[in-house]
């Protein structure tokens, strides 16, 4: 029964956060700082999620094929490659490293 209480509490919490966001006055949302933060926060969260999923293994650091693929994608981005090339480079390098080590 405690699982359903946790689910209900989470649902109510999500609804309240959404309601709080809708109740913010429009003038606050038009401020330059708020606009800049709204543009940068999703990028920071995605970068943090990528780093955590790539390099974390429980409580330890993991350097494996995924890290090599991420490095290849970063290099392709530095060379200003198109998005499809970036993804292809990451997938190819990850596959090659896995094939060589596994």
N, C-alpha and C. Protein backbone atom coordinates (compact mmCIF):
# COMPACT_ATOMS: atom_id res chain seq x y z
N UNK A 1 0.81 -1.19 0.00
CA UNK A 1 0.00 0.00 0.00
C UNK A 1 0.86 1.27 0.00
N UNK A 2 2.07 1.19 0.55
CA UNK A 2 2.93 2.38 0.61
C UNK A 2 3.40 2.81 -0.78
N UNK A 3 3.46 1.87 -1.72
CA UNK A 3 3.84 2.23 -3.09
C UNK A 3 2.78 3.14 -3.70
N UNK A 4 1.51 2.83 -3.45
CA UNK A 4 0.44 3.66 -4.01
C UNK A 4 0.40 5.04 -3.35
N UNK A 5 0.77 5.11 -2.10
CA UNK A 5 0.86 6.42 -1.44
C UNK A 5 1.98 7.24 -2.07
N UNK A 6 3.11 6.60 -2.36
CA UNK A 6 4.22 7.30 -3.00
C UNK A 6 3.84 7.75 -4.41
N UNK A 7 3.12 6.92 -5.14
CA UNK A 7 2.68 7.29 -6.49
C UNK A 7 1.71 8.47 -6.43
N UNK A 8 0.76 8.42 -5.49
CA UNK A 8 -0.20 9.52 -5.35
C UNK A 8 0.50 10.80 -4.92
N UNK A 9 1.45 10.71 -4.00
CA UNK A 9 2.18 11.90 -3.56
C UNK A 9 3.00 12.50 -4.69
N UNK A 10 3.60 11.64 -5.50
CA UNK A 10 4.36 12.13 -6.65
C UNK A 10 3.45 12.80 -7.67
N UNK A 11 2.30 12.22 -7.92
CA UNK A 11 1.35 12.81 -8.87
C UNK A 11 0.87 14.18 -8.38
N UNK A 12 0.54 14.26 -7.10
CA UNK A 12 0.11 15.55 -6.54
C UNK A 12 1.24 16.56 -6.59
N UNK A 13 2.44 16.13 -6.28
CA UNK A 13 3.59 17.02 -6.34
C UNK A 13 3.84 17.54 -7.75
N UNK A 14 3.76 16.67 -8.73
CA UNK A 14 3.94 17.10 -10.13
C UNK A 14 2.86 18.09 -10.55
N UNK A 15 1.63 17.84 -10.13
CA UNK A 15 0.54 18.75 -10.45
C UNK A 15 0.77 20.11 -9.81
N UNK A 16 1.22 20.13 -8.56
CA UNK A 16 1.46 21.40 -7.87
C UNK A 16 2.61 22.18 -8.51
N UNK A 17 3.65 21.49 -8.94
CA UNK A 17 4.76 22.17 -9.62
C UNK A 17 4.27 22.78 -10.94
N UNK A 18 3.47 22.03 -11.68
CA UNK A 18 2.90 22.55 -12.93
C UNK A 18 2.01 23.76 -12.65
N UNK A 19 1.19 23.69 -11.62
CA UNK A 19 0.31 24.80 -11.25
C UNK A 19 1.13 26.01 -10.83
N UNK A 20 2.20 25.79 -10.10
CA UNK A 20 3.08 26.88 -9.70
C UNK A 20 3.68 27.57 -10.92
N UNK A 21 4.11 26.77 -11.89
CA UNK A 21 4.67 27.35 -13.12
C UNK A 21 3.65 28.16 -13.89
N UNK A 22 2.40 27.72 -13.90
CA UNK A 22 1.35 28.46 -14.61
C UNK A 22 0.93 29.72 -13.88
N UNK A 23 1.19 29.79 -12.59
CA UNK A 23 0.76 30.96 -11.82
C UNK A 23 1.80 32.07 -11.77
N UNK A 24 2.95 31.86 -12.39
CA UNK A 24 3.99 32.90 -12.42
C UNK A 24 3.52 34.03 -13.34
N UNK A 25 3.59 35.29 -12.87
CA UNK A 25 3.17 36.41 -13.71
C UNK A 25 3.99 36.52 -14.99
N UNK A 26 3.36 36.96 -16.05
CA UNK A 26 4.03 37.06 -17.35
C UNK A 26 5.22 38.02 -17.30
N UNK A 27 5.14 39.04 -16.47
CA UNK A 27 6.24 40.00 -16.37
C UNK A 27 7.52 39.37 -15.87
N UNK A 28 7.40 38.39 -15.01
CA UNK A 28 8.58 37.69 -14.50
C UNK A 28 9.23 36.88 -15.61
N UNK A 29 8.42 36.26 -16.44
CA UNK A 29 8.95 35.42 -17.52
C UNK A 29 9.62 36.22 -18.62
N UNK A 30 9.34 37.51 -18.70
CA UNK A 30 9.93 38.34 -19.74
C UNK A 30 11.28 38.93 -19.35
N UNK A 31 11.71 38.74 -18.14
CA UNK A 31 13.00 39.27 -17.69
C UNK A 31 14.13 38.58 -18.43
N UNK A 32 15.19 39.33 -18.79
CA UNK A 32 16.30 38.72 -19.55
C UNK A 32 16.99 37.57 -18.80
N UNK A 33 17.15 37.70 -17.50
CA UNK A 33 17.81 36.65 -16.74
C UNK A 33 16.99 35.37 -16.77
N UNK A 34 15.68 35.48 -16.62
CA UNK A 34 14.82 34.31 -16.64
C UNK A 34 14.85 33.65 -18.02
N UNK A 35 14.83 34.47 -19.08
CA UNK A 35 14.90 33.91 -20.44
C UNK A 35 16.22 33.17 -20.66
N UNK A 36 17.31 33.76 -20.17
CA UNK A 36 18.62 33.13 -20.35
C UNK A 36 18.70 31.81 -19.57
N UNK A 37 18.20 31.83 -18.34
CA UNK A 37 18.21 30.60 -17.55
C UNK A 37 17.33 29.52 -18.18
N UNK A 38 16.20 29.93 -18.71
CA UNK A 38 15.30 28.96 -19.35
C UNK A 38 15.95 28.33 -20.58
N UNK A 39 16.84 29.06 -21.23
CA UNK A 39 17.53 28.52 -22.39
C UNK A 39 18.70 27.62 -21.99
N UNK A 40 19.35 27.91 -20.86
CA UNK A 40 20.55 27.18 -20.49
C UNK A 40 20.31 25.96 -19.59
N UNK A 41 19.27 25.98 -18.79
CA UNK A 41 19.03 24.88 -17.85
C UNK A 41 18.82 23.54 -18.56
N UNK A 42 18.02 23.45 -19.63
CA UNK A 42 17.88 22.14 -20.29
C UNK A 42 19.20 21.60 -20.84
N UNK A 43 20.05 22.47 -21.35
CA UNK A 43 21.35 22.04 -21.87
C UNK A 43 22.22 21.49 -20.74
N UNK A 44 22.22 22.18 -19.61
CA UNK A 44 23.01 21.72 -18.46
C UNK A 44 22.49 20.39 -17.93
N UNK A 45 21.18 20.24 -17.87
CA UNK A 45 20.62 18.97 -17.39
C UNK A 45 20.93 17.82 -18.34
N UNK A 46 20.86 18.08 -19.64
CA UNK A 46 21.18 17.03 -20.61
C UNK A 46 22.66 16.64 -20.53
N UNK A 47 23.54 17.64 -20.36
CA UNK A 47 24.97 17.34 -20.23
C UNK A 47 25.24 16.53 -18.96
N UNK A 48 24.59 16.89 -17.87
CA UNK A 48 24.78 16.15 -16.62
C UNK A 48 24.27 14.72 -16.75
N UNK A 49 23.13 14.54 -17.38
CA UNK A 49 22.58 13.20 -17.57
C UNK A 49 23.49 12.36 -18.46
N UNK A 50 24.01 12.96 -19.53
CA UNK A 50 24.93 12.25 -20.42
C UNK A 50 26.19 11.82 -19.68
N UNK A 51 26.75 12.73 -18.90
CA UNK A 51 27.96 12.41 -18.14
C UNK A 51 27.71 11.31 -17.12
N UNK A 52 26.59 11.40 -16.44
CA UNK A 52 26.27 10.39 -15.42
C UNK A 52 26.04 9.02 -16.05
N UNK A 53 25.32 8.97 -17.16
CA UNK A 53 25.04 7.70 -17.80
C UNK A 53 26.28 7.11 -18.48
N UNK A 54 27.20 7.96 -18.90
CA UNK A 54 28.40 7.48 -19.61
C UNK A 54 29.49 7.04 -18.66
N UNK A 55 29.71 7.80 -17.59
CA UNK A 55 30.89 7.58 -16.76
C UNK A 55 30.62 6.96 -15.39
N UNK A 56 29.38 6.78 -14.99
CA UNK A 56 29.10 6.27 -13.65
C UNK A 56 28.71 4.81 -13.70
N UNK A 57 29.27 4.06 -12.76
CA UNK A 57 28.90 2.66 -12.56
C UNK A 57 28.74 2.47 -11.06
N UNK A 58 27.56 2.78 -10.56
CA UNK A 58 27.34 2.73 -9.12
C UNK A 58 28.10 3.86 -8.46
N UNK A 59 29.05 3.51 -7.61
CA UNK A 59 29.86 4.51 -6.90
C UNK A 59 31.24 4.68 -7.53
N UNK A 60 31.48 4.09 -8.68
CA UNK A 60 32.81 4.16 -9.28
C UNK A 60 32.76 4.78 -10.68
N UNK A 61 33.93 5.14 -11.16
CA UNK A 61 34.08 5.73 -12.48
C UNK A 61 34.23 4.61 -13.51
N UNK A 62 33.55 4.76 -14.64
CA UNK A 62 33.59 3.74 -15.68
C UNK A 62 34.09 4.38 -16.98
N UNK A 63 35.15 3.83 -17.52
CA UNK A 63 35.65 4.26 -18.82
C UNK A 63 35.58 3.05 -19.75
N UNK A 64 34.61 3.08 -20.67
CA UNK A 64 34.41 1.95 -21.56
C UNK A 64 34.13 2.45 -22.97
N UNK A 65 33.48 1.63 -23.76
CA UNK A 65 33.21 1.97 -25.15
C UNK A 65 32.31 3.20 -25.27
N UNK A 66 31.39 3.37 -24.33
CA UNK A 66 30.52 4.55 -24.35
C UNK A 66 31.31 5.84 -24.21
N UNK A 67 32.34 5.81 -23.37
CA UNK A 67 33.19 7.00 -23.20
C UNK A 67 33.95 7.30 -24.50
N UNK A 68 34.41 6.26 -25.17
CA UNK A 68 35.11 6.45 -26.45
C UNK A 68 34.15 7.03 -27.49
N UNK A 69 32.91 6.55 -27.51
CA UNK A 69 31.91 7.08 -28.44
C UNK A 69 31.59 8.53 -28.15
N UNK A 70 31.49 8.87 -26.87
CA UNK A 70 31.24 10.26 -26.49
C UNK A 70 32.41 11.16 -26.90
N UNK A 71 33.62 10.66 -26.74
CA UNK A 71 34.79 11.43 -27.17
C UNK A 71 34.78 11.65 -28.69
N UNK A 72 34.38 10.63 -29.44
CA UNK A 72 34.29 10.77 -30.89
C UNK A 72 33.22 11.80 -31.28
N UNK A 73 32.10 11.77 -30.57
CA UNK A 73 31.04 12.75 -30.84
C UNK A 73 31.51 14.16 -30.51
N UNK A 74 32.24 14.31 -29.41
CA UNK A 74 32.76 15.63 -29.04
C UNK A 74 33.75 16.13 -30.09
N UNK A 75 34.60 15.25 -30.59
CA UNK A 75 35.55 15.64 -31.63
C UNK A 75 34.82 16.05 -32.91
N UNK A 76 33.79 15.30 -33.27
CA UNK A 76 33.02 15.66 -34.47
C UNK A 76 32.31 16.99 -34.28
N UNK A 77 31.84 17.26 -33.08
CA UNK A 77 31.21 18.56 -32.82
C UNK A 77 32.22 19.69 -32.90
N UNK A 78 33.43 19.44 -32.40
CA UNK A 78 34.48 20.47 -32.49
C UNK A 78 34.85 20.77 -33.94
N UNK A 79 34.75 19.75 -34.79
CA UNK A 79 35.04 19.93 -36.21
C UNK A 79 33.83 20.46 -36.98
N UNK A 80 32.75 20.78 -36.24
CA UNK A 80 31.51 21.34 -36.80
C UNK A 80 30.86 20.42 -37.83
N UNK A 81 30.86 19.13 -37.52
CA UNK A 81 30.22 18.15 -38.39
C UNK A 81 28.70 18.24 -38.22
N UNK A 82 27.96 17.86 -39.25
CA UNK A 82 26.49 17.81 -39.12
C UNK A 82 26.07 16.78 -38.07
N UNK A 83 24.86 16.96 -37.55
CA UNK A 83 24.37 16.12 -36.46
C UNK A 83 24.40 14.64 -36.82
N UNK A 84 24.00 14.30 -38.02
CA UNK A 84 24.00 12.89 -38.42
C UNK A 84 25.40 12.30 -38.42
N UNK A 85 26.38 13.08 -38.80
CA UNK A 85 27.78 12.63 -38.78
C UNK A 85 28.25 12.44 -37.33
N UNK A 86 27.83 13.34 -36.45
CA UNK A 86 28.21 13.23 -35.03
C UNK A 86 27.66 11.94 -34.45
N UNK A 87 26.40 11.66 -34.69
CA UNK A 87 25.78 10.44 -34.16
C UNK A 87 26.43 9.20 -34.78
N UNK A 88 26.66 9.23 -36.08
CA UNK A 88 27.29 8.09 -36.75
C UNK A 88 28.69 7.83 -36.22
N UNK A 89 29.45 8.87 -36.00
CA UNK A 89 30.80 8.71 -35.46
C UNK A 89 30.76 8.10 -34.06
N UNK A 90 29.84 8.56 -33.24
CA UNK A 90 29.73 8.02 -31.89
C UNK A 90 29.35 6.55 -31.91
N UNK A 91 28.39 6.20 -32.74
CA UNK A 91 27.94 4.80 -32.83
C UNK A 91 29.05 3.92 -33.38
N UNK A 92 29.73 4.38 -34.42
CA UNK A 92 30.78 3.58 -35.04
C UNK A 92 31.94 3.33 -34.08
N UNK A 93 32.37 4.39 -33.40
CA UNK A 93 33.51 4.24 -32.48
C UNK A 93 33.11 3.33 -31.31
N UNK A 94 31.91 3.51 -30.79
CA UNK A 94 31.45 2.65 -29.70
C UNK A 94 31.41 1.18 -30.14
N UNK A 95 30.90 0.93 -31.33
CA UNK A 95 30.82 -0.44 -31.83
C UNK A 95 32.20 -1.05 -32.04
N UNK A 96 33.13 -0.29 -32.59
CA UNK A 96 34.47 -0.80 -32.83
C UNK A 96 35.18 -1.11 -31.51
N UNK A 97 35.06 -0.21 -30.56
CA UNK A 97 35.72 -0.44 -29.27
C UNK A 97 35.11 -1.65 -28.57
N UNK A 98 33.81 -1.80 -28.63
CA UNK A 98 33.16 -2.98 -28.02
C UNK A 98 33.60 -4.26 -28.71
N UNK A 99 33.73 -4.21 -30.05
CA UNK A 99 34.15 -5.39 -30.79
C UNK A 99 35.60 -5.77 -30.45
N UNK A 100 36.44 -4.77 -30.25
CA UNK A 100 37.85 -5.04 -29.95
C UNK A 100 38.07 -5.50 -28.51
N UNK A 101 37.23 -5.02 -27.60
CA UNK A 101 37.44 -5.37 -26.19
C UNK A 101 36.55 -6.50 -25.72
N UNK A 102 35.57 -6.87 -26.52
CA UNK A 102 34.62 -7.76 -25.96
C UNK A 102 34.51 -9.13 -26.42
